[in-house]
Amino acid sequence: MLTYTYPVWLLFAAFFFYNAYSRWREAKLPIRPFVVKGDAAEGVGGEPASGLAEAGVEFAREFNAYLESVNRASLRRHRAMGVGHALSGVVALISMLLVLAGR
């Protein structure tokens, strides 16, 4: 029974290495920045309502700063998970080699 467990460890290693790869790739997908499209609020005669337009630009600036912090945290989190999965794959391979060596 013990001699047939090495394919299970190989399967675990493949699973962990695939998860490591997918997490590492996922870390490269940031949330795109928020863009204010034109001036939706116009006053009399087509003049922009400057207070509202300025508030929209300020909101976009602050929201994009928030998105940058979220992207940085997401990058670190996904990279850490990728490294963890890669280490788990290495441990699974070492376990498989120990099982094969003890045969």
C-alpha atoms as a PDB file:
ATOM      1  CA  MET A   1       0.000   0.000   0.000  1.00  0.00           C
ATOM      2  CA  LEU A   2       2.784   2.411   0.909  1.00  0.00           C
ATOM      3  CA  THR A   3       4.567   1.925  -2.419  1.00  0.00           C
ATOM      4  CA  TYR A   4       1.565   3.192  -4.378  1.00  0.00           C
ATOM      5  CA  THR A   5       1.269   6.525  -2.567  1.00  0.00           C
ATOM      6  CA  TYR A   6       3.847   8.320  -4.698  1.00  0.00           C
ATOM      7  CA  PRO A   7       1.350   9.151  -7.475  1.00  0.00           C
ATOM      8  CA  VAL A   8      -0.815  10.844  -4.847  1.00  0.00           C
ATOM      9  CA  TRP A   9       2.131  13.024  -3.795  1.00  0.00           C
ATOM     10  CA  LEU A  10       2.846  13.774  -7.440  1.00  0.00           C
ATOM     11  CA  LEU A  11      -0.780  14.804  -7.906  1.00  0.00           C
ATOM     12  CA  PHE A  12      -0.582  17.060  -4.841  1.00  0.00           C
ATOM     13  CA  ALA A  13       2.638  18.626  -6.133  1.00  0.00           C
ATOM     14  CA  ALA A  14       1.069  19.320  -9.532  1.00  0.00           C
ATOM     15  CA  PHE A  15      -1.991  20.837  -7.848  1.00  0.00           C
ATOM     16  CA  PHE A  16       0.111  23.105  -5.634  1.00  0.00           C
ATOM     17  CA  PHE A  17       2.402  24.199  -8.459  1.00  0.00           C
ATOM     18  CA  TYR A  18      -0.601  25.019 -10.655  1.00  0.00           C
ATOM     19  CA  ASN A  19      -2.117  27.092  -7.831  1.00  0.00           C
ATOM     20  CA  ALA A  20       1.211  28.858  -7.333  1.00  0.00           C
ATOM     21  CA  TYR A  21       1.367  29.708 -11.022  1.00  0.00           C
ATOM     22  CA  SER A  22      -2.228  30.934 -11.184  1.00  0.00           C
ATOM     23  CA  ARG A  23      -1.839  33.083  -8.029  1.00  0.00           C
ATOM     24  CA  TRP A  24       1.373  34.615  -9.370  1.00  0.00           C
ATOM     25  CA  ARG A  25      -0.369  35.456 -12.650  1.00  0.00           C
ATOM     26  CA  GLU A  26      -3.430  36.775 -10.827  1.00  0.00           C
ATOM     27  CA  ALA A  27      -1.196  39.197  -8.919  1.00  0.00           C
ATOM     28  CA  LYS A  28      -0.437  40.952 -12.210  1.00  0.00           C
ATOM     29  CA  LEU A  29      -4.102  41.863 -12.821  1.00  0.00           C
ATOM     30  CA  PRO A  30      -4.729  45.215 -11.108  1.00  0.00           C
ATOM     31  CA  ILE A  31      -8.054  46.939 -10.785  1.00  0.00           C
ATOM     32  CA  ARG A  32      -8.121  49.630 -13.461  1.00  0.00           C
ATOM     33  CA  PRO A  33      -8.311  53.276 -12.388  1.00  0.00           C
ATOM     34  CA  PHE A  34     -11.596  55.150 -12.216  1.00  0.00           C
ATOM     35  CA  VAL A  35     -12.044  57.788 -14.923  1.00  0.00           C
ATOM     36  CA  VAL A  36     -14.517  60.662 -14.913  1.00  0.00           C
ATOM     37  CA  LYS A  37     -15.952  60.920 -18.420  1.00  0.00           C
ATOM     38  CA  GLY A  38     -16.632  64.488 -19.414  1.00  0.00           C
ATOM     39  CA  ASP A  39     -18.743  66.947 -17.493  1.00  0.00           C
ATOM     40  CA  ALA A  40     -22.149  65.414 -16.944  1.00  0.00           C
ATOM     41  CA  ALA A  41     -23.393  68.396 -14.945  1.00  0.00           C
ATOM     42  CA  GLU A  42     -23.876  71.466 -17.092  1.00  0.00           C
ATOM     43  CA  GLY A  43     -25.335  74.739 -15.980  1.00  0.00           C
ATOM     44  CA  VAL A  44     -27.284  77.314 -17.966  1.00  0.00           C
ATOM     45  CA  GLY A  45     -26.064  77.812 -21.537  1.00  0.00           C
ATOM     46  CA  GLY A  46     -23.816  74.737 -21.563  1.00  0.00           C
ATOM     47  CA  GLU A  47     -21.443  76.071 -18.922  1.00  0.00           C
ATOM     48  CA  PRO A  48     -20.105  73.409 -16.587  1.00  0.00           C
ATOM     49  CA  ALA A  49     -21.266  73.498 -13.005  1.00  0.00           C
ATOM     50  CA  SER A  50     -17.726  73.916 -11.735  1.00  0.00           C
ATOM     51  CA  GLY A  51     -18.369  72.952  -8.119  1.00  0.00           C
ATOM     52  CA  LEU A  52     -19.836  69.608  -9.081  1.00  0.00           C
ATOM     53  CA  ALA A  53     -17.223  68.942 -11.775  1.00  0.00           C
ATOM     54  CA  GLU A  54     -14.448  69.777  -9.333  1.00  0.00           C
ATOM     55  CA  ALA A  55     -15.996  67.449  -6.749  1.00  0.00           C
ATOM     56  CA  GLY A  56     -16.086  64.659  -9.336  1.00  0.00           C
ATOM     57  CA  VAL A  57     -12.419  65.146 -10.173  1.00  0.00           C
ATOM     58  CA  GLU A  58     -11.505  65.170  -6.469  1.00  0.00           C
ATOM     59  CA  PHE A  59     -13.539  62.012  -5.897  1.00  0.00           C
ATOM     60  CA  ALA A  60     -11.803  60.287  -8.820  1.00  0.00           C
ATOM     61  CA  ARG A  61      -8.385  61.288  -7.481  1.00  0.00           C
ATOM     62  CA  GLU A  62      -9.130  59.963  -3.976  1.00  0.00           C
ATOM     63  CA  PHE A  63     -10.812  56.820  -5.275  1.00  0.00           C
ATOM     64  CA  ASN A  64      -7.840  56.080  -7.562  1.00  0.00           C
ATOM     65  CA  ALA A  65      -5.483  56.501  -4.591  1.00  0.00           C
ATOM     66  CA  TYR A  66      -7.616  53.952  -2.732  1.00  0.00           C
ATOM     67  CA  LEU A  67      -7.515  51.599  -5.735  1.00  0.00           C
ATOM     68  CA  GLU A  68      -3.722  51.876  -5.827  1.00  0.00           C
ATOM     69  CA  SER A  69      -3.521  50.785  -2.193  1.00  0.00           C
ATOM     70  CA  VAL A  70      -5.908  47.908  -2.885  1.00  0.00           C
ATOM     71  CA  ASN A  71      -3.800  46.861  -5.899  1.00  0.00           C
ATOM     72  CA  ARG A  72      -0.600  46.912  -3.815  1.00  0.00           C
ATOM     73  CA  ALA A  73      -2.213  44.826  -1.065  1.00  0.00           C
ATOM     74  CA  SER A  74      -3.656  42.418  -3.627  1.00  0.00           C
ATOM     75  CA  LEU A  75      -0.271  42.037  -5.303  1.00  0.00           C
ATOM     76  CA  ARG A  76       1.433  41.196  -1.995  1.00  0.00           C
ATOM     77  CA  ARG A  77      -1.355  38.832  -0.966  1.00  0.00           C
ATOM     78  CA  HIS A  78      -1.388  36.911  -4.249  1.00  0.00           C
ATOM     79  CA  ARG A  79       2.404  36.699  -4.377  1.00  0.00           C
ATOM     80  CA  ALA A  80       2.506  35.390  -0.781  1.00  0.00           C
ATOM     81  CA  MET A  81      -0.107  32.767  -1.639  1.00  0.00           C
ATOM     82  CA  GLY A  82       1.861  31.831  -4.750  1.00  0.00           C
ATOM     83  CA  VAL A  83       5.041  31.353  -2.740  1.00  0.00           C
ATOM     84  CA  GLY A  84       3.124  29.325  -0.151  1.00  0.00           C
ATOM     85  CA  HIS A  85       1.669  27.062  -2.810  1.00  0.00           C
ATOM     86  CA  ALA A  86       5.088  26.635  -4.429  1.00  0.00           C
ATOM     87  CA  LEU A  87       6.583  25.633  -1.070  1.00  0.00           C
ATOM     88  CA  SER A  88       3.727  23.179  -0.576  1.00  0.00           C
ATOM     89  CA  GLY A  89       4.525  21.690  -3.982  1.00  0.00           C
ATOM     90  CA  VAL A  90       8.186  21.308  -3.016  1.00  0.00           C
ATOM     91  CA  VAL A  91       7.179  19.591   0.236  1.00  0.00           C
ATOM     92  CA  ALA A  92       4.901  17.240  -1.722  1.00  0.00           C
ATOM     93  CA  LEU A  93       7.776  16.376  -4.079  1.00  0.00           C
ATOM     94  CA  ILE A  94      10.122  15.761  -1.146  1.00  0.00           C
ATOM     95  CA  SER A  95       7.483  13.518   0.444  1.00  0.00           C
ATOM     96  CA  MET A  96       7.163  11.611  -2.812  1.00  0.00           C
ATOM     97  CA  LEU A  97      10.944  11.159  -2.976  1.00  0.00           C
ATOM     98  CA  LEU A  98      11.024   9.950   0.637  1.00  0.00           C
ATOM     99  CA  VAL A  99       8.308   7.411  -0.132  1.00  0.00           C
ATOM    100  CA  LEU A 100      10.246   6.207  -3.189  1.00  0.00           C
ATOM    101  CA  ALA A 101      13.534   6.059  -1.250  1.00  0.00           C
ATOM    102  CA  GLY A 102      11.941   3.996   1.519  1.00  0.00           C
ATOM    103  CA  ARG A 103      10.666   1.412  -0.904  1.00  0.00           C
END
